[in-house]
Amino acid sequence: MTTEARGERSGASAYEKPRKHARSVAEQVRNTMQTFTYIFSETLSLLSSTTPTTPRRRKR
């Protein structure tokens, strides 16, 4: 009885795990994309601030 119950529980958990895993992966991808965009914008701002002559500011 215990082995069968464990087997059923493990099967149910194994079936439920993929959904949670997929959700976590999607959240991780979103978080990584947000952090990447944030770092990218920060690096761009730093590069633009470090460069003495910014073409965008001169044009405007």
PDB file of N, CA and C in Angstrom:
ATOM      1  N   MET A   1       0.833  -1.199   0.000  1.00  0.00           N
ATOM      2  CA  MET A   1       0.000   0.000   0.000  1.00  0.00           C
ATOM      3  C   MET A   1       0.876   1.261   0.000  1.00  0.00           C
ATOM      4  N   THR A   2       1.903   1.252   0.818  1.00  0.00           N
ATOM      5  CA  THR A   2       2.739   2.458   0.905  1.00  0.00           C
ATOM      6  C   THR A   2       3.473   2.708  -0.405  1.00  0.00           C
ATOM      7  N   THR A   3       3.987   1.648  -1.015  1.00  0.00           N
ATOM      8  CA  THR A   3       4.730   1.822  -2.273  1.00  0.00           C
ATOM      9  C   THR A   3       3.795   2.335  -3.356  1.00  0.00           C
ATOM     10  N   GLU A   4       2.567   1.810  -3.411  1.00  0.00           N
ATOM     11  CA  GLU A   4       1.625   2.270  -4.425  1.00  0.00           C
ATOM     12  C   GLU A   4       1.268   3.739  -4.189  1.00  0.00           C
ATOM     13  N   ALA A   5       1.035   4.094  -2.930  1.00  0.00           N
ATOM     14  CA  ALA A   5       0.693   5.483  -2.612  1.00  0.00           C
ATOM     15  C   ALA A   5       1.846   6.397  -2.999  1.00  0.00           C
ATOM     16  N   ARG A   6       3.068   5.971  -2.670  1.00  0.00           N
ATOM     17  CA  ARG A   6       4.224   6.787  -3.018  1.00  0.00           C
ATOM     18  C   ARG A   6       4.340   6.939  -4.534  1.00  0.00           C
ATOM     19  N   GLY A   7       4.102   5.840  -5.245  1.00  0.00           N
ATOM     20  CA  GLY A   7       4.189   5.878  -6.709  1.00  0.00           C
ATOM     21  C   GLY A   7       3.178   6.860  -7.274  1.00  0.00           C
ATOM     22  N   GLU A   8       1.948   6.797  -6.753  1.00  0.00           N
ATOM     23  CA  GLU A   8       0.922   7.720  -7.243  1.00  0.00           C
ATOM     24  C   GLU A   8       1.302   9.162  -6.903  1.00  0.00           C
ATOM     25  N   ARG A   9       1.783   9.377  -5.689  1.00  0.00           N
ATOM     26  CA  ARG A   9       2.159  10.738  -5.294  1.00  0.00           C
ATOM     27  C   ARG A   9       3.308  11.248  -6.162  1.00  0.00           C
ATOM     28  N   SER A  10       4.300  10.409  -6.370  1.00  0.00           N
ATOM     29  CA  SER A  10       5.440  10.827  -7.188  1.00  0.00           C
ATOM     30  C   SER A  10       4.980  11.137  -8.612  1.00  0.00           C
ATOM     31  N   GLY A  11       4.058  10.303  -9.134  1.00  0.00           N
ATOM     32  CA  GLY A  11       3.546  10.535 -10.485  1.00  0.00           C
ATOM     33  C   GLY A  11       2.820  11.867 -10.558  1.00  0.00           C
ATOM     34  N   ALA A  12       1.992  12.145  -9.536  1.00  0.00           N
ATOM     35  CA  ALA A  12       1.239  13.405  -9.525  1.00  0.00           C
ATOM     36  C   ALA A  12       2.207  14.584  -9.437  1.00  0.00           C
ATOM     37  N   SER A  13       3.187  14.467  -8.543  1.00  0.00           N
ATOM     38  CA  SER A  13       4.153  15.561  -8.394  1.00  0.00           C
ATOM     39  C   SER A  13       4.946  15.740  -9.691  1.00  0.00           C
ATOM     40  N   ALA A  14       5.316  14.634 -10.325  1.00  0.00           N
ATOM     41  CA  ALA A  14       6.073  14.715 -11.574  1.00  0.00           C
ATOM     42  C   ALA A  14       5.224  15.384 -12.651  1.00  0.00           C
ATOM     43  N   TYR A  15       3.904  15.162 -12.610  1.00  0.00           N
ATOM     44  CA  TYR A  15       3.025  15.779 -13.600  1.00  0.00           C
ATOM     45  C   TYR A  15       2.823  17.260 -13.297  1.00  0.00           C
ATOM     46  N   GLU A  16       2.807  17.601 -12.006  1.00  0.00           N
ATOM     47  CA  GLU A  16       2.613  19.006 -11.632  1.00  0.00           C
ATOM     48  C   GLU A  16       3.904  19.808 -11.753  1.00  0.00           C
ATOM     49  N   LYS A  17       5.040  19.141 -11.566  1.00  0.00           N
ATOM     50  CA  LYS A  17       6.321  19.856 -11.593  1.00  0.00           C
ATOM     51  C   LYS A  17       6.576  20.565 -12.925  1.00  0.00           C
ATOM     52  N   PRO A  18       6.358  19.910 -14.085  1.00  0.00           N
ATOM     53  CA  PRO A  18       6.645  20.590 -15.358  1.00  0.00           C
ATOM     54  C   PRO A  18       5.945  21.940 -15.480  1.00  0.00           C
ATOM     55  N   ARG A  19       4.689  22.011 -15.030  1.00  0.00           N
ATOM     56  CA  ARG A  19       3.967  23.288 -15.134  1.00  0.00           C
ATOM     57  C   ARG A  19       4.654  24.357 -14.289  1.00  0.00           C
ATOM     58  N   LYS A  20       4.939  24.019 -13.029  1.00  0.00           N
ATOM     59  CA  LYS A  20       5.600  24.989 -12.160  1.00  0.00           C
ATOM     60  C   LYS A  20       6.971  25.340 -12.724  1.00  0.00           C
ATOM     61  N   HIS A  21       7.676  24.331 -13.235  1.00  0.00           N
ATOM     62  CA  HIS A  21       9.010  24.581 -13.787  1.00  0.00           C
ATOM     63  C   HIS A  21       8.921  25.528 -14.982  1.00  0.00           C
ATOM     64  N   ALA A  22       7.934  25.303 -15.857  1.00  0.00           N
ATOM     65  CA  ALA A  22       7.780  26.163 -17.029  1.00  0.00           C
ATOM     66  C   ALA A  22       7.474  27.594 -16.584  1.00  0.00           C
ATOM     67  N   ARG A  23       6.615  27.730 -15.570  1.00  0.00           N
ATOM     68  CA  ARG A  23       6.282  29.068 -15.089  1.00  0.00           C
ATOM     69  C   ARG A  23       7.530  29.736 -14.522  1.00  0.00           C
ATOM     70  N   SER A  24       8.287  28.988 -13.734  1.00  0.00           N
ATOM     71  CA  SER A  24       9.497  29.563 -13.144  1.00  0.00           C
ATOM     72  C   SER A  24      10.488  29.956 -14.248  1.00  0.00           C
ATOM     73  N   VAL A  25      10.580  29.126 -15.279  1.00  0.00           N
ATOM     74  CA  VAL A  25      11.497  29.433 -16.386  1.00  0.00           C
ATOM     75  C   VAL A  25      11.051  30.720 -17.079  1.00  0.00           C
ATOM     76  N   ALA A  26       9.758  30.847 -17.309  1.00  0.00           N
ATOM     77  CA  ALA A  26       9.239  32.056 -17.959  1.00  0.00           C
ATOM     78  C   ALA A  26       9.540  33.283 -17.099  1.00  0.00           C
ATOM     79  N   GLU A  27       9.331  33.147 -15.788  1.00  0.00           N
ATOM     80  CA  GLU A  27       9.618  34.274 -14.894  1.00  0.00           C
ATOM     81  C   GLU A  27      11.106  34.595 -14.903  1.00  0.00           C
ATOM     82  N   GLN A  28      11.936  33.561 -14.905  1.00  0.00           N
ATOM     83  CA  GLN A  28      13.376  33.792 -14.933  1.00  0.00           C
ATOM     84  C   GLN A  28      13.774  34.490 -16.226  1.00  0.00           C
ATOM     85  N   VAL A  29      13.181  34.077 -17.342  1.00  0.00           N
ATOM     86  CA  VAL A  29      13.503  34.704 -18.631  1.00  0.00           C
ATOM     87  C   VAL A  29      13.096  36.176 -18.599  1.00  0.00           C
ATOM     88  N   ARG A  30      11.918  36.455 -18.043  1.00  0.00           N
ATOM     89  CA  ARG A  30      11.471  37.851 -17.967  1.00  0.00           C
ATOM     90  C   ARG A  30      12.411  38.660 -17.084  1.00  0.00           C
ATOM     91  N   ASN A  31      12.781  38.076 -15.944  1.00  0.00           N
ATOM     92  CA  ASN A  31      13.687  38.788 -15.028  1.00  0.00           C
ATOM     93  C   ASN A  31      15.041  39.034 -15.698  1.00  0.00           C
ATOM     94  N   THR A  32      15.560  38.024 -16.393  1.00  0.00           N
ATOM     95  CA  THR A  32      16.859  38.186 -17.055  1.00  0.00           C
ATOM     96  C   THR A  32      16.758  39.248 -18.146  1.00  0.00           C
ATOM     97  N   MET A  33      15.650  39.255 -18.883  1.00  0.00           N
ATOM     98  CA  MET A  33      15.484  40.256 -19.933  1.00  0.00           C
ATOM     99  C   MET A  33      15.417  41.660 -19.325  1.00  0.00           C
ATOM    100  N   GLN A  34      14.685  41.810 -18.232  1.00  0.00           N
ATOM    101  CA  GLN A  34      14.589  43.119 -17.575  1.00  0.00           C
ATOM    102  C   GLN A  34      15.952  43.570 -17.079  1.00  0.00           C
ATOM    103  N   THR A  35      16.681  42.660 -16.443  1.00  0.00           N
ATOM    104  CA  THR A  35      18.012  43.014 -15.934  1.00  0.00           C
ATOM    105  C   THR A  35      18.945  43.339 -17.094  1.00  0.00           C
ATOM    106  N   PHE A  36      18.844  42.564 -18.198  1.00  0.00           N
ATOM    107  CA  PHE A  36      19.713  42.818 -19.351  1.00  0.00           C
ATOM    108  C   PHE A  36      19.418  44.186 -19.948  1.00  0.00           C
ATOM    109  N   THR A  37      18.150  44.505 -20.113  1.00  0.00           N
ATOM    110  CA  THR A  37      17.785  45.809 -20.665  1.00  0.00           C
ATOM    111  C   THR A  37      18.230  46.923 -19.727  1.00  0.00           C
ATOM    112  N   TYR A  38      18.090  46.694 -18.413  1.00  0.00           N
ATOM    113  CA  TYR A  38      18.507  47.717 -17.440  1.00  0.00           C
ATOM    114  C   TYR A  38      20.013  47.940 -17.517  1.00  0.00           C
ATOM    115  N   ILE A  39      20.772  46.838 -17.527  1.00  0.00           N
ATOM    116  CA  ILE A  39      22.232  46.956 -17.612  1.00  0.00           C
ATOM    117  C   ILE A  39      22.625  47.597 -18.946  1.00  0.00           C
ATOM    118  N   PHE A  40      21.931  47.210 -20.023  1.00  0.00           N
ATOM    119  CA  PHE A  40      22.244  47.776 -21.340  1.00  0.00           C
ATOM    120  C   PHE A  40      22.012  49.284 -21.342  1.00  0.00           C
ATOM    121  N   SER A  41      20.886  49.708 -20.790  1.00  0.00           N
ATOM    122  CA  SER A  41      20.601  51.154 -20.744  1.00  0.00           C
ATOM    123  C   SER A  41      21.613  51.870 -19.860  1.00  0.00           C
ATOM    124  N   GLU A  42      21.968  51.224 -18.731  1.00  0.00           N
ATOM    125  CA  GLU A  42      22.954  51.842 -17.829  1.00  0.00           C
ATOM    126  C   GLU A  42      24.301  51.986 -18.526  1.00  0.00           C
ATOM    127  N   THR A  43      24.729  50.949 -19.238  1.00  0.00           N
ATOM    128  CA  THR A  43      26.020  51.019 -19.941  1.00  0.00           C
ATOM    129  C   THR A  43      25.957  52.096 -21.028  1.00  0.00           C
ATOM    130  N   LEU A  44      24.838  52.187 -21.728  1.00  0.00           N
ATOM    131  CA  LEU A  44      24.708  53.215 -22.764  1.00  0.00           C
ATOM    132  C   LEU A  44      24.810  54.606 -22.138  1.00  0.00           C
ATOM    133  N   SER A  45      24.112  54.791 -21.026  1.00  0.00           N
ATOM    134  CA  SER A  45      24.165  56.113 -20.370  1.00  0.00           C
ATOM    135  C   SER A  45      25.586  56.404 -19.892  1.00  0.00           C
ATOM    136  N   LEU A  46      26.253  55.383 -19.361  1.00  0.00           N
ATOM    137  CA  LEU A  46      27.636  55.591 -18.896  1.00  0.00           C
ATOM    138  C   LEU A  46      28.537  55.930 -20.075  1.00  0.00           C
ATOM    139  N   LEU A  47      28.380  55.205 -21.185  1.00  0.00           N
ATOM    140  CA  LEU A  47      29.215  55.473 -22.351  1.00  0.00           C
ATOM    141  C   LEU A  47      28.935  56.878 -22.882  1.00  0.00           C
ATOM    142  N   SER A  48      27.680  57.247 -22.958  1.00  0.00           N
ATOM    143  CA  SER A  48      27.337  58.581 -23.465  1.00  0.00           C
ATOM    144  C   SER A  48      27.873  59.659 -22.521  1.00  0.00           C
ATOM    145  N   SER A  49      27.850  59.398 -21.221  1.00  0.00           N
ATOM    146  CA  SER A  49      28.349  60.396 -20.266  1.00  0.00           C
ATOM    147  C   SER A  49      29.881  60.467 -20.315  1.00  0.00           C
ATOM    148  N   THR A  50      30.538  59.327 -20.527  1.00  0.00           N
ATOM    149  CA  THR A  50      32.007  59.323 -20.555  1.00  0.00           C
ATOM    150  C   THR A  50      32.517  59.991 -21.831  1.00  0.00           C
ATOM    151  N   THR A  51      31.808  59.793 -22.952  1.00  0.00           N
ATOM    152  CA  THR A  51      32.262  60.412 -24.203  1.00  0.00           C
ATOM    153  C   THR A  51      32.100  61.929 -24.105  1.00  0.00           C
ATOM    154  N   PRO A  52      33.153  62.685 -24.365  1.00  0.00           N
ATOM    155  CA  PRO A  52      33.080  64.152 -24.238  1.00  0.00           C
ATOM    156  C   PRO A  52      32.142  64.769 -25.266  1.00  0.00           C
ATOM    157  N   THR A  53      32.162  64.244 -26.490  1.00  0.00           N
ATOM    158  CA  THR A  53      31.317  64.824 -27.541  1.00  0.00           C
ATOM    159  C   THR A  53      30.195  63.841 -27.859  1.00  0.00           C
ATOM    160  N   THR A  54      28.963  64.207 -27.501  1.00  0.00           N
ATOM    161  CA  THR A  54      27.817  63.350 -27.804  1.00  0.00           C
ATOM    162  C   THR A  54      27.108  63.902 -29.032  1.00  0.00           C
ATOM    163  N   PRO A  55      27.036  63.142 -30.115  1.00  0.00           N
ATOM    164  CA  PRO A  55      26.406  63.648 -31.347  1.00  0.00           C
ATOM    165  C   PRO A  55      24.935  63.991 -31.148  1.00  0.00           C
ATOM    166  N   ARG A  56      24.238  63.217 -30.303  1.00  0.00           N
ATOM    167  CA  ARG A  56      22.808  63.496 -30.112  1.00  0.00           C
ATOM    168  C   ARG A  56      22.604  64.882 -29.496  1.00  0.00           C
ATOM    169  N   ARG A  57      23.399  65.213 -28.489  1.00  0.00           N
ATOM    170  CA  ARG A  57      23.231  66.519 -27.843  1.00  0.00           C
ATOM    171  C   ARG A  57      23.620  67.646 -28.787  1.00  0.00           C
ATOM    172  N   ARG A  58      24.649  67.440 -29.583  1.00  0.00           N
ATOM    173  CA  ARG A  58      25.078  68.496 -30.521  1.00  0.00           C
ATOM    174  C   ARG A  58      24.012  68.740 -31.578  1.00  0.00           C
ATOM    175  N   LYS A  59      23.412  67.641 -32.093  1.00  0.00           N
ATOM    176  CA  LYS A  59      22.368  67.801 -33.107  1.00  0.00           C
ATOM    177  C   LYS A  59      21.196  68.567 -32.522  1.00  0.00           C
ATOM    178  N   ARG A  60      20.791  68.215 -31.299  1.00  0.00           N
ATOM    179  CA  ARG A  60      19.655  68.899 -30.679  1.00  0.00           C
ATOM    180  C   ARG A  60      20.131  70.212 -30.079  1.00  0.00           C
TER     181      ARG A  60
END
